[in-house]
């Protein structure tokens, strides 16, 4: 574990992404309890050995974890020497509040962010921007680049289309708008069929999107959890994978083994076909990812 004062070196993760060797990155979410905080420190210490190029930290519903996002981004950099990427969302965020978040990130030496619109509150179907806030992620990207030109900004991409998009073509048009106002790279939503990613990557290229696109991979550890997540984001579980998971449901070890096997298959094929990097949604667990990296040659 690295133990030093906050380093205010502003390394842009895009510099790592565009190199020849694929990047490795992990995504964490801010814990809610003291026990979960201690566990996350253990997870970070375990995954540090895989030498990730960066680690992103999500923001909670309704922007409720904005302060915790900044805290954990700072801790990841200070204690582990891993470049953090802080998630910023339009949810419940005025331009004044966003400016304060950006200033605080800069103060603690964090200059890499992932700009997202964010989801509407549970029970609501339509996103409503805050007063003097942002309606879309592209507005947030433009604001960040205006306020902090040196910041490196990533955005989200959806290989199977955003759940609110009329069609994939429209969704890619929105993605291009985010790139045109300053997004440096794209990290995709989770997916389980690599062909969806390759098709998405080709469609983005045809649309004139030239920034790197990093695929997001989530090793499945729970059938109930993955069904809930795919329902929320619109991703599809391939039928053969779903059949295996349903047959193993109730046997946690067997489900994790299936999830690791599929994530490993995805990662190997993606690397073979020339992705810029792999971004893993680790769900604040080290075991499944450690199993993947125990067999993944990069």
Protein backbone atom coordinates (compact mmCIF):
# COMPACT_ATOMS: atom_id res chain seq x y z
CA UNK A 1 0.00 0.00 0.00
CA UNK A 2 1.32 3.42 -0.93
CA UNK A 3 1.29 5.82 2.00
CA UNK A 4 2.09 9.42 1.05
CA UNK A 5 0.54 12.84 1.09
CA UNK A 6 -1.93 13.71 -1.65
CA UNK A 7 -0.09 13.93 -4.95
CA UNK A 8 -1.30 16.72 -7.19
CA UNK A 9 0.06 15.26 -10.38
CA UNK A 10 -2.67 15.43 -12.99
CA UNK A 11 -2.14 12.33 -15.12
CA UNK A 12 -4.77 11.99 -17.83
CA UNK A 13 -5.99 8.42 -18.18
CA UNK A 14 -6.34 8.94 -21.93
CA UNK A 15 -2.53 8.92 -22.03
CA UNK A 16 -2.58 5.33 -20.79
CA UNK A 17 -5.55 4.33 -22.96
CA UNK A 18 -3.91 5.30 -26.24
CA UNK A 19 -0.75 3.31 -25.64
CA UNK A 20 -0.19 -0.02 -27.42
CA UNK A 21 -0.81 -2.27 -24.40
CA UNK A 22 -4.50 -2.55 -23.35
CA UNK A 23 -5.32 -0.77 -20.10
CA UNK A 24 -6.88 -2.46 -17.09
CA UNK A 25 -9.33 -0.57 -14.91
CA UNK A 26 -11.79 -1.32 -12.11
CA UNK A 27 -15.00 0.34 -10.96
CA UNK A 28 -16.02 0.66 -7.31
CA UNK A 29 -18.95 2.23 -5.49
CA UNK A 30 -18.73 4.20 -2.22
CA UNK A 31 -19.57 1.95 0.77
CA UNK A 32 -22.38 2.91 3.13
CA UNK A 33 -21.20 1.46 6.45
CA UNK A 34 -17.99 1.35 8.47
CA UNK A 35 -17.75 -2.39 7.86
CA UNK A 36 -18.14 -1.89 4.11
CA UNK A 37 -15.47 0.81 4.18
CA UNK A 38 -13.01 -1.56 5.85
CA UNK A 39 -13.90 -4.23 3.31
CA UNK A 40 -13.30 -1.90 0.38
CA UNK A 41 -9.83 -1.05 1.67
CA UNK A 42 -9.12 -4.80 1.74
CA UNK A 43 -10.47 -5.19 -1.80
CA UNK A 44 -8.32 -2.32 -3.07
CA UNK A 45 -5.24 -3.80 -1.42
CA UNK A 46 -5.96 -7.15 -3.07
CA UNK A 47 -6.62 -5.75 -6.55
CA UNK A 48 -3.68 -3.34 -6.40
CA UNK A 49 -1.38 -6.24 -7.30
CA UNK A 50 -2.89 -6.38 -10.80
CA UNK A 51 -1.54 -2.86 -11.39
CA UNK A 52 -4.68 -1.21 -12.79
CA UNK A 53 -4.13 1.88 -14.90
CA UNK A 54 -7.05 3.61 -13.22
CA UNK A 55 -10.06 2.99 -11.00
CA UNK A 56 -13.41 4.73 -11.21
CA UNK A 57 -15.69 5.57 -8.30
CA UNK A 58 -19.43 5.82 -8.85
CA UNK A 59 -21.85 8.41 -7.51
CA UNK A 60 -24.95 7.32 -5.60
CA UNK A 61 -28.58 7.82 -6.46
CA UNK A 62 -29.74 11.45 -6.44
CA UNK A 63 -26.12 12.51 -6.25
CA UNK A 64 -26.21 11.47 -2.58
CA UNK A 65 -22.67 10.10 -2.56
CA UNK A 66 -20.92 13.01 -4.28
CA UNK A 67 -18.79 13.75 -1.21
CA UNK A 68 -17.99 10.06 -0.75
CA UNK A 69 -17.05 9.78 -4.41
CA UNK A 70 -14.49 12.53 -3.94
CA UNK A 71 -13.27 10.99 -0.67
CA UNK A 72 -12.71 7.55 -2.20
CA UNK A 73 -11.12 8.99 -5.32
CA UNK A 74 -8.66 10.78 -3.04
CA UNK A 75 -8.03 7.65 -0.95
CA UNK A 76 -7.44 5.48 -4.03
CA UNK A 77 -4.78 7.89 -5.23
CA UNK A 78 -3.23 8.66 -1.84
CA UNK A 79 -3.08 5.18 -0.33
CA UNK A 80 -2.75 2.96 -3.38
CA UNK A 81 -1.15 5.14 -6.03
CA UNK A 82 -3.90 4.26 -8.51
CA UNK A 83 -5.18 7.04 -10.76
CA UNK A 84 -8.84 7.65 -9.84
CA UNK A 85 -11.73 8.61 -12.10
CA UNK A 86 -14.61 10.26 -10.25
CA UNK A 87 -18.13 9.82 -11.59
CA UNK A 88 -20.12 13.04 -11.93
CA UNK A 89 -23.84 13.03 -12.71
CA UNK A 90 -26.44 15.61 -13.65
CA UNK A 91 -28.78 14.28 -10.95
CA UNK A 92 -29.67 16.95 -8.38
CA UNK A 93 -26.69 19.01 -9.53
CA UNK A 94 -26.88 22.72 -10.27
CA UNK A 95 -24.04 24.35 -12.16
CA UNK A 96 -22.92 26.03 -8.94
CA UNK A 97 -22.81 22.69 -7.09
CA UNK A 98 -20.96 21.03 -9.97
CA UNK A 99 -18.38 23.82 -9.99
CA UNK A 100 -17.74 23.17 -6.28
CA UNK A 101 -17.28 19.44 -6.95
CA UNK A 102 -14.82 20.15 -9.75
CA UNK A 103 -12.88 22.56 -7.56
CA UNK A 104 -12.71 20.01 -4.75
CA UNK A 105 -11.51 17.28 -7.11
CA UNK A 106 -8.80 19.56 -8.43
CA UNK A 107 -7.82 20.45 -4.87
CA UNK A 108 -7.23 16.79 -3.94
CA UNK A 109 -5.31 16.05 -7.13
CA UNK A 110 -8.04 14.31 -9.15
CA UNK A 111 -8.43 15.50 -12.73
CA UNK A 112 -10.08 12.48 -14.38
CA UNK A 113 -13.88 12.24 -14.38
CA UNK A 114 -16.65 10.23 -15.98
CA UNK A 115 -19.54 12.49 -16.97
CA UNK A 116 -22.99 10.89 -16.83
CA UNK A 117 -26.55 12.09 -16.95
CA UNK A 118 -27.58 9.62 -14.28
CA UNK A 119 -30.83 7.75 -13.78
CA UNK A 120 -34.13 9.27 -12.63
CA UNK A 121 -35.14 8.42 -9.05
CA UNK A 122 -36.69 4.99 -8.43
CA UNK A 123 -40.37 5.12 -9.30
CA UNK A 124 -39.94 7.90 -11.84
CA UNK A 125 -39.62 7.27 -15.56
CA UNK A 126 -38.47 10.69 -16.75
CA UNK A 127 -35.28 12.53 -15.88
CA UNK A 128 -35.92 16.06 -14.63
CA UNK A 129 -32.89 18.40 -14.48
CA UNK A 130 -32.22 20.50 -11.40
CA UNK A 131 -32.75 24.24 -11.46
CA UNK A 132 -29.82 25.74 -13.35
CA UNK A 133 -28.59 22.20 -13.91
CA UNK A 134 -27.95 19.87 -16.83
CA UNK A 135 -30.44 18.03 -19.02
CA UNK A 136 -27.97 15.74 -20.77
CA UNK A 137 -24.45 14.40 -20.28
CA UNK A 138 -23.21 16.43 -23.25
CA UNK A 139 -24.09 19.63 -21.36
CA UNK A 140 -22.13 18.35 -18.38
CA UNK A 141 -19.13 17.46 -20.55
CA UNK A 142 -19.12 20.93 -22.09
CA UNK A 143 -19.35 22.53 -18.64
CA UNK A 144 -16.45 20.48 -17.27
CA UNK A 145 -14.27 21.34 -20.25
CA UNK A 146 -15.14 25.01 -19.87
CA UNK A 147 -14.40 25.09 -16.15
CA UNK A 148 -11.44 22.68 -16.09
CA UNK A 149 -9.86 22.47 -19.57
CA UNK A 150 -7.08 20.22 -18.27
CA UNK A 151 -9.48 17.59 -16.95
CA UNK A 152 -9.74 14.30 -18.83
CA UNK A 153 -13.40 13.42 -19.38
CA UNK A 154 -14.83 10.00 -20.11
CA UNK A 155 -18.45 9.25 -21.03
CA UNK A 156 -20.68 6.19 -21.18
CA UNK A 157 -21.56 4.18 -24.27
CA UNK A 158 -24.28 1.57 -24.67
CA UNK A 159 -23.54 -1.37 -27.01
CA UNK A 160 -27.19 -2.44 -26.92
CA UNK A 161 -28.54 1.11 -26.85
CA UNK A 162 -29.55 3.26 -23.89
CA UNK A 163 -32.79 2.03 -22.38
CA UNK A 164 -34.44 5.42 -23.12
CA UNK A 165 -33.14 5.73 -26.69
CA UNK A 166 -35.59 5.34 -29.55
CA UNK A 167 -33.02 3.29 -31.46
CA UNK A 168 -29.30 2.53 -31.43
CA UNK A 169 -28.69 5.02 -34.25
CA UNK A 170 -30.14 7.86 -32.16
CA UNK A 171 -28.11 6.75 -29.17
CA UNK A 172 -24.89 6.88 -31.18
CA UNK A 173 -25.81 10.40 -32.35
CA UNK A 174 -26.02 11.45 -28.70
CA UNK A 175 -22.67 9.79 -28.02
CA UNK A 176 -21.11 11.70 -30.91
CA UNK A 177 -22.42 14.95 -29.42
CA UNK A 178 -20.66 14.14 -26.15
CA UNK A 179 -17.42 13.54 -28.04
CA UNK A 180 -17.79 16.72 -30.07
CA UNK A 181 -18.03 18.86 -26.93
CA UNK A 182 -14.93 17.34 -25.40
CA UNK A 183 -15.21 13.71 -24.25
CA UNK A 184 -11.81 12.03 -24.46
CA UNK A 185 -12.90 8.38 -24.35
CA UNK A 186 -15.89 6.10 -23.86
CA UNK A 187 -16.49 3.31 -21.33
CA UNK A 188 -19.39 1.06 -22.17
CA UNK A 189 -22.22 -0.25 -20.08
CA UNK A 190 -21.92 -3.92 -19.17
CA UNK A 191 -22.75 -6.44 -21.91
CA UNK A 192 -22.44 -10.21 -22.20
CA UNK A 193 -22.36 -10.74 -25.96
CA UNK A 194 -19.12 -9.47 -27.49
CA UNK A 195 -20.70 -9.21 -30.91
CA UNK A 196 -22.88 -6.41 -29.55
CA UNK A 197 -19.72 -4.50 -28.62
CA UNK A 198 -17.98 -5.08 -31.95
CA UNK A 199 -21.09 -3.97 -33.83
CA UNK A 200 -21.34 -0.90 -31.61
CA UNK A 201 -17.68 -0.07 -32.16
CA UNK A 202 -18.08 -0.35 -35.93
CA UNK A 203 -21.23 1.80 -35.89
CA UNK A 204 -19.43 4.46 -33.84
CA UNK A 205 -16.55 4.48 -36.30
CA UNK A 206 -18.95 4.89 -39.22
CA UNK A 207 -20.61 7.78 -37.36
CA UNK A 208 -17.26 9.55 -37.08
CA UNK A 209 -16.53 8.82 -33.43
CA UNK A 210 -12.75 8.55 -33.19
CA UNK A 211 -12.06 8.42 -29.44
CA UNK A 212 -11.12 5.11 -27.76
CA UNK A 213 -14.00 2.89 -26.67
CA UNK A 214 -13.34 0.72 -23.60
CA UNK A 215 -15.61 -2.32 -23.08
CA UNK A 216 -17.15 -2.78 -19.63
CA UNK A 217 -17.21 -6.32 -18.22
CA UNK A 218 -19.01 -7.57 -15.12
CA UNK A 219 -18.24 -11.06 -13.80
CA UNK A 220 -21.60 -12.43 -12.68
CA UNK A 221 -21.75 -13.45 -9.00
CA UNK A 222 -25.52 -13.62 -8.46
CA UNK A 223 -28.37 -14.50 -10.81
CA UNK A 224 -30.80 -12.27 -8.90
CA UNK A 225 -28.38 -9.35 -9.03
CA UNK A 226 -27.57 -9.63 -12.72
CA UNK A 227 -31.25 -9.94 -13.65
CA UNK A 228 -31.99 -6.74 -11.71
CA UNK A 229 -29.08 -4.87 -13.29
CA UNK A 230 -29.86 -5.92 -16.85
CA UNK A 231 -33.49 -4.98 -16.34
CA UNK A 232 -32.40 -1.49 -15.29
CA UNK A 233 -29.87 -0.92 -18.08
CA UNK A 234 -31.42 -2.90 -20.93
CA UNK A 235 -28.55 -5.35 -21.43
CA UNK A 236 -29.42 -8.88 -22.51
CA UNK A 237 -28.10 -12.11 -21.00
CA UNK A 238 -27.48 -14.65 -23.82
CA UNK A 239 -29.84 -17.59 -23.49
CA UNK A 240 -27.13 -20.23 -23.15
CA UNK A 241 -25.49 -18.24 -20.34
CA UNK A 242 -28.85 -17.68 -18.67
CA UNK A 243 -29.60 -21.40 -18.82
CA UNK A 244 -26.32 -22.22 -17.07
CA UNK A 245 -26.97 -19.63 -14.38
CA UNK A 246 -30.53 -20.84 -13.76
CA UNK A 247 -29.36 -24.44 -13.46
CA UNK A 248 -26.73 -23.38 -10.92
CA UNK A 249 -28.97 -20.94 -9.03
CA UNK A 250 -28.76 -21.60 -5.30
CA UNK A 251 -25.14 -22.74 -5.54
CA UNK A 252 -23.18 -19.52 -5.06
CA UNK A 253 -19.81 -21.10 -5.86
CA UNK A 254 -21.13 -22.58 -9.11
CA UNK A 255 -22.69 -19.26 -10.18
CA UNK A 256 -19.42 -17.42 -9.54
CA UNK A 257 -17.49 -20.04 -11.54
CA UNK A 258 -19.86 -19.57 -14.47
CA UNK A 259 -19.52 -15.79 -14.19
CA UNK A 260 -15.73 -15.95 -14.08
CA UNK A 261 -15.61 -18.33 -17.04
CA UNK A 262 -17.78 -16.05 -19.16
CA UNK A 263 -15.91 -12.87 -18.15
CA UNK A 264 -12.63 -14.58 -19.01
CA UNK A 265 -13.99 -15.61 -22.42
CA UNK A 266 -15.15 -12.06 -23.08
CA UNK A 267 -11.85 -10.52 -22.00
CA UNK A 268 -9.72 -12.85 -24.12
CA UNK A 269 -11.77 -12.31 -27.26
CA UNK A 270 -11.92 -8.55 -26.77
CA UNK A 271 -8.16 -8.31 -26.40
CA UNK A 272 -7.63 -10.52 -29.45
CA UNK A 273 -9.78 -8.16 -31.48
CA UNK A 274 -7.91 -5.04 -30.53
CA UNK A 275 -9.69 -3.17 -27.73
CA UNK A 276 -7.92 -0.25 -26.05
CA UNK A 277 -8.55 -1.68 -22.60
CA UNK A 278 -10.83 -3.64 -20.28
CA UNK A 279 -12.95 -1.99 -17.59
CA UNK A 280 -14.25 -4.35 -14.89
CA UNK A 281 -17.30 -3.67 -12.73
CA UNK A 282 -15.99 -5.42 -9.63
CA UNK A 283 -18.98 -4.74 -7.34
CA UNK A 284 -16.54 -4.11 -4.48
CA UNK A 285 -15.40 -7.75 -4.54
CA UNK A 286 -11.89 -9.02 -5.17
CA UNK A 287 -12.46 -12.78 -5.43
CA UNK A 288 -14.08 -13.09 -8.89
CA UNK A 289 -11.71 -10.57 -10.49
CA UNK A 290 -8.71 -12.31 -8.94
CA UNK A 291 -9.90 -15.57 -10.49
CA UNK A 292 -10.19 -13.88 -13.90
CA UNK A 293 -6.72 -12.37 -13.70
CA UNK A 294 -5.28 -15.65 -12.49
CA UNK A 295 -5.98 -16.99 -16.00
CA UNK A 296 -5.88 -13.87 -18.17
CA UNK A 297 -2.69 -13.19 -20.04
CA UNK A 298 -2.21 -9.51 -20.90
